[in-house]
Amino acid sequence: MAALVDAVPTTALAVYAHPDDPEVSCGGLLARWARAGTEVHVVVATRGEKGSVDPSTDPDDLARRRQEELRLAADVLGVAGVELLGHADGDLPPQPTLVRELVGVIRRLTPEVVVGVDPTAVYFGDAYVNHVDHRAIGWATLDAVAPAASSPLYFPEQGPAHRVGTVLLSGTLEPDVWADVGTTLDVKVRAMFCHRSQLAADADEWLADFVRERAADEGRRAGVRYAEAFRRLRLHR
């Protein structure tokens, strides 16, 4: 039988690269936790200013628009707080710098659970290579959680050490746990539609159905109607 994410943490932190990544990757779970009383926080590493195929796009205007879209989506999901690290899209800083920033966030917010990207997932079939920002933020998140945030001699200026108990990695090729999102899938869809700058003109016609189909595929693996898949690390029990 498939393992399900049943526990409801007091505080959870989702760490992603671009402004629409949390909704796409784990919006159903974040909304479910928020409904259940979890204090959910989201950190986004980049401004997302390169997220357009139109060469006439003004990057600063796009970044401002995407920041507003992120905040609208967070309100839909019920997220308690959103932080943007403000790095350039496609050009995250060296790993120690990024890890130090994330350690500061983790120690300040003291989450029980951190949700992020599986950086080991690089090739998805023969048609997609995982974005360099996804891989970078994924490794930085893991390095920040274990061992840096829990070890007082790493970045002592970032506050008292904090141990994260569980990490859930989305976008993984090796899922071993699923979140039942049957009650919040529509919330996830509404949050994704907040990111209009990233949607095709005809998205209203197909996006919601596509999201439901993907969630139904994972639901069949998990034995529920709709699900999101993760790789789970239990670091401290």
Protein backbone atom coordinates (compact mmCIF):
# COMPACT_ATOMS: atom_id res chain seq x y z
CA MET A 1 0.00 0.00 0.00
CA ALA A 2 1.27 3.48 -0.88
CA ALA A 3 2.40 5.70 1.99
CA LEU A 4 0.42 8.91 2.47
CA VAL A 5 1.39 12.22 4.05
CA ASP A 6 -1.01 12.21 6.98
CA ALA A 7 0.72 14.33 9.63
CA VAL A 8 -0.22 18.01 9.86
CA PRO A 9 2.83 20.05 10.92
CA THR A 10 2.59 23.14 13.04
CA THR A 11 4.91 25.03 10.66
CA ALA A 12 6.00 24.17 7.12
CA LEU A 13 8.36 25.85 4.66
CA ALA A 14 8.31 25.44 0.87
CA VAL A 15 11.50 26.48 -0.96
CA TYR A 16 11.44 26.90 -4.75
CA ALA A 17 13.23 28.72 -7.53
CA HIS A 18 10.57 30.64 -9.46
CA PRO A 19 7.35 32.43 -8.52
CA ASP A 20 4.98 29.75 -9.91
CA ASP A 21 6.95 26.69 -8.77
CA PRO A 22 5.27 26.15 -5.36
CA GLU A 23 1.76 26.06 -6.83
CA VAL A 24 2.74 23.69 -9.62
CA SER A 25 4.80 21.40 -7.39
CA CYS A 26 2.89 21.18 -4.13
CA GLY A 27 0.00 23.64 -4.18
CA GLY A 28 -2.54 21.01 -3.15
CA LEU A 29 -0.55 19.92 -0.11
CA LEU A 30 0.22 23.49 1.00
CA ALA A 31 -3.46 24.41 0.75
CA ARG A 32 -4.47 21.28 2.68
CA TRP A 33 -2.04 22.03 5.46
CA ALA A 34 -3.11 25.69 5.61
CA ARG A 35 -6.74 24.63 5.95
CA ALA A 36 -5.77 22.32 8.80
CA GLY A 37 -4.04 25.13 10.69
CA THR A 38 -0.42 24.78 9.60
CA GLU A 39 1.56 28.01 9.40
CA VAL A 40 2.81 27.68 5.82
CA HIS A 41 5.66 29.81 4.50
CA VAL A 42 7.04 30.02 0.97
CA VAL A 43 10.50 31.13 -0.14
CA VAL A 44 11.21 31.86 -3.81
CA ALA A 45 14.84 32.31 -4.81
CA THR A 46 14.63 34.25 -8.08
CA ARG A 47 12.80 37.26 -9.48
CA GLY A 48 11.56 35.22 -12.44
CA GLU A 49 12.46 38.07 -14.77
CA LYS A 50 13.44 35.77 -17.64
CA GLY A 51 10.19 33.84 -17.67
CA SER A 52 9.02 34.90 -21.12
CA VAL A 53 9.63 33.86 -24.74
CA ASP A 54 8.83 37.38 -25.98
CA PRO A 55 12.13 39.22 -26.69
CA SER A 56 10.43 42.60 -26.24
CA THR A 57 9.58 41.85 -22.58
CA ASP A 58 10.94 44.28 -20.01
CA PRO A 59 12.55 42.03 -17.36
CA ASP A 60 11.91 44.42 -14.48
CA ASP A 61 8.25 44.80 -15.41
CA LEU A 62 7.91 41.02 -15.63
CA ALA A 63 9.59 40.55 -12.26
CA ARG A 64 7.16 43.00 -10.63
CA ARG A 65 4.21 41.28 -12.24
CA ARG A 66 5.38 37.86 -11.15
CA GLN A 67 5.89 39.03 -7.58
CA GLU A 68 2.29 40.21 -7.48
CA GLU A 69 1.10 36.94 -9.04
CA LEU A 70 2.99 35.00 -6.37
CA ARG A 71 1.33 36.95 -3.59
CA LEU A 72 -2.12 36.49 -5.13
CA ALA A 73 -1.51 32.76 -5.41
CA ALA A 74 -0.28 32.61 -1.83
CA ASP A 75 -3.51 34.23 -0.67
CA VAL A 76 -5.49 31.61 -2.58
CA LEU A 77 -3.52 28.78 -0.96
CA GLY A 78 -3.76 30.31 2.51
CA VAL A 79 -0.02 30.77 2.89
CA ALA A 80 1.01 32.74 5.98
CA GLY A 81 4.14 34.32 4.53
CA VAL A 82 6.06 34.74 1.28
CA GLU A 83 9.72 35.73 0.95
CA LEU A 84 11.60 36.48 -2.27
CA LEU A 85 15.37 36.22 -2.13
CA GLY A 86 15.56 38.38 -5.27
CA HIS A 87 18.29 36.58 -7.21
CA ALA A 88 18.58 36.71 -10.98
CA ASP A 89 16.64 34.12 -12.93
CA GLY A 90 19.06 31.48 -14.23
CA ASP A 91 21.94 32.84 -12.16
CA LEU A 92 21.60 31.78 -8.55
CA PRO A 93 24.61 32.62 -6.37
CA PRO A 94 27.29 30.07 -5.38
CA GLN A 95 26.05 27.29 -3.14
CA PRO A 96 27.54 28.55 0.17
CA THR A 97 25.82 31.93 -0.25
CA LEU A 98 22.47 30.36 -1.04
CA VAL A 99 22.80 27.84 1.79
CA ARG A 100 23.58 30.63 4.25
CA GLU A 101 20.44 32.53 3.21
CA LEU A 102 18.26 29.46 3.57
CA VAL A 103 19.77 28.58 6.95
CA GLY A 104 18.72 32.03 8.15
CA VAL A 105 15.16 31.47 6.96
CA ILE A 106 14.95 27.98 8.47
CA ARG A 107 16.29 29.08 11.84
CA ARG A 108 13.93 32.05 11.95
CA LEU A 109 10.78 30.15 10.95
CA THR A 110 11.65 26.82 12.65
CA PRO A 111 9.61 24.61 10.30
CA GLU A 112 8.86 21.00 11.19
CA VAL A 113 8.70 20.12 7.49
CA VAL A 114 10.53 21.57 4.50
CA VAL A 115 9.17 20.99 1.00
CA GLY A 116 11.47 21.51 -1.97
CA VAL A 117 12.87 20.22 -5.24
CA ASP A 118 14.53 16.86 -5.79
CA PRO A 119 17.82 17.99 -7.37
CA THR A 120 18.73 14.47 -8.45
CA ALA A 121 15.92 14.51 -11.03
CA VAL A 122 17.69 15.91 -14.09
CA TYR A 123 16.28 14.21 -17.19
CA PHE A 124 12.54 13.73 -17.61
CA GLY A 125 12.29 11.33 -20.53
CA ASP A 126 14.06 12.58 -23.64
CA ALA A 127 12.29 15.93 -23.94
CA TYR A 128 13.02 17.93 -20.79
CA VAL A 129 16.08 18.80 -18.71
CA ASN A 130 15.31 20.07 -15.23
CA HIS A 131 15.98 23.82 -14.99
CA VAL A 132 19.37 24.76 -13.56
CA ASP A 133 17.64 26.93 -10.92
CA HIS A 134 15.56 23.96 -9.77
CA ARG A 135 18.66 21.85 -9.35
CA ALA A 136 20.57 24.63 -7.58
CA ILE A 137 17.82 25.48 -5.10
CA GLY A 138 17.20 21.79 -4.49
CA TRP A 139 20.79 21.10 -3.47
CA ALA A 140 20.99 24.31 -1.45
CA THR A 141 17.80 23.38 0.43
CA LEU A 142 19.14 19.94 1.30
CA ASP A 143 22.50 21.36 2.37
CA ALA A 144 20.78 24.03 4.46
CA VAL A 145 18.61 21.48 6.23
CA ALA A 146 21.28 18.83 6.73
CA PRO A 147 23.58 19.61 8.31
CA ALA A 148 23.84 23.39 8.34
CA ALA A 149 20.62 24.62 10.00
CA SER A 150 20.82 21.95 12.70
CA SER A 151 24.49 22.54 13.50
CA PRO A 152 25.29 25.60 15.65
CA LEU A 153 28.80 26.04 14.26
CA TYR A 154 27.47 26.59 10.73
CA PHE A 155 26.59 30.26 10.19
CA PRO A 156 26.22 31.13 13.90
CA GLU A 157 25.26 34.67 12.94
CA GLN A 158 22.04 33.27 11.44
CA GLY A 159 20.54 32.41 14.82
CA PRO A 160 20.10 29.33 17.02
CA ALA A 161 20.31 25.92 15.39
CA HIS A 162 17.06 24.27 14.32
CA ARG A 163 16.42 20.67 13.32
CA VAL A 164 13.97 20.00 10.50
CA GLY A 165 12.28 16.66 11.02
CA THR A 166 11.05 15.87 7.53
CA VAL A 167 11.86 16.92 3.97
CA LEU A 168 9.47 16.30 1.08
CA LEU A 169 10.96 16.54 -2.40
CA SER A 170 8.69 17.24 -5.36
CA GLY A 171 9.44 16.74 -9.03
CA THR A 172 11.10 13.47 -8.16
CA LEU A 173 11.70 10.39 -10.26
CA GLU A 174 11.62 8.25 -7.10
CA PRO A 175 8.42 9.09 -5.18
CA ASP A 176 7.77 7.07 -2.06
CA VAL A 177 4.98 9.06 -0.42
CA TRP A 178 1.85 10.80 -1.70
CA ALA A 179 -0.34 13.62 -0.42
CA ASP A 180 -4.09 13.24 -0.86
CA VAL A 181 -5.17 16.55 -2.41
CA GLY A 182 -8.74 15.62 -3.28
CA THR A 183 -10.16 18.41 -1.12
CA THR A 184 -7.76 21.11 -2.34
CA LEU A 185 -7.03 20.36 -5.99
CA ASP A 186 -9.40 23.11 -7.12
CA VAL A 187 -7.54 25.52 -4.82
CA LYS A 188 -4.28 24.51 -6.49
CA VAL A 189 -5.82 25.16 -9.92
CA ARG A 190 -7.04 28.61 -8.86
CA ALA A 191 -3.60 29.45 -7.50
CA MET A 192 -1.93 28.37 -10.74
CA PHE A 193 -4.28 30.62 -12.71
CA CYS A 194 -2.97 33.58 -10.70
CA HIS A 195 0.27 33.27 -12.70
CA ARG A 196 -1.18 34.75 -15.88
CA SER A 197 2.19 35.93 -17.15
CA GLN A 198 3.21 32.28 -17.48
CA LEU A 199 0.06 30.97 -19.15
CA ALA A 200 -0.71 30.56 -22.81
CA ALA A 201 -3.64 32.50 -24.22
CA ASP A 202 -5.71 29.31 -24.43
CA ALA A 203 -4.83 28.04 -20.93
CA ASP A 204 -8.42 28.47 -19.74
CA GLU A 205 -9.40 25.74 -22.17
CA TRP A 206 -6.99 23.01 -21.03
CA LEU A 207 -4.91 23.80 -17.94
CA ALA A 208 -7.41 22.77 -15.26
CA ASP A 209 -8.09 19.46 -17.01
CA PHE A 210 -4.36 18.82 -17.40
CA VAL A 211 -3.71 19.44 -13.69
CA ARG A 212 -6.58 17.13 -12.72
CA GLU A 213 -5.33 14.40 -15.07
CA ARG A 214 -1.83 14.55 -13.60
CA ALA A 215 -3.22 14.47 -10.06
CA ALA A 216 -5.48 11.56 -11.00
CA ASP A 217 -2.46 9.63 -12.32
CA GLU A 218 -0.68 10.05 -8.99
CA GLY A 219 -3.93 9.32 -7.16
CA ARG A 220 -4.14 5.91 -8.81
CA ARG A 221 -0.64 5.13 -7.54
CA ALA A 222 -1.62 6.27 -4.05
CA GLY A 223 -5.08 4.73 -3.87
CA VAL A 224 -6.91 8.06 -3.66
CA ARG A 225 -8.70 10.23 -6.22
CA TYR A 226 -6.10 12.99 -6.55
CA ALA A 227 -2.55 13.14 -5.21
CA GLU A 228 0.82 14.88 -5.35
CA ALA A 229 3.96 12.75 -5.22
CA PHE A 230 7.10 13.29 -3.13
CA ARG A 231 10.31 11.66 -2.01
CA ARG A 232 10.42 11.75 1.79
CA LEU A 233 13.46 12.14 4.01
CA ARG A 234 12.99 11.58 7.74
CA LEU A 235 15.95 13.32 9.31
CA HIS A 236 14.97 13.65 12.97
CA ARG A 237 12.16 11.67 14.57
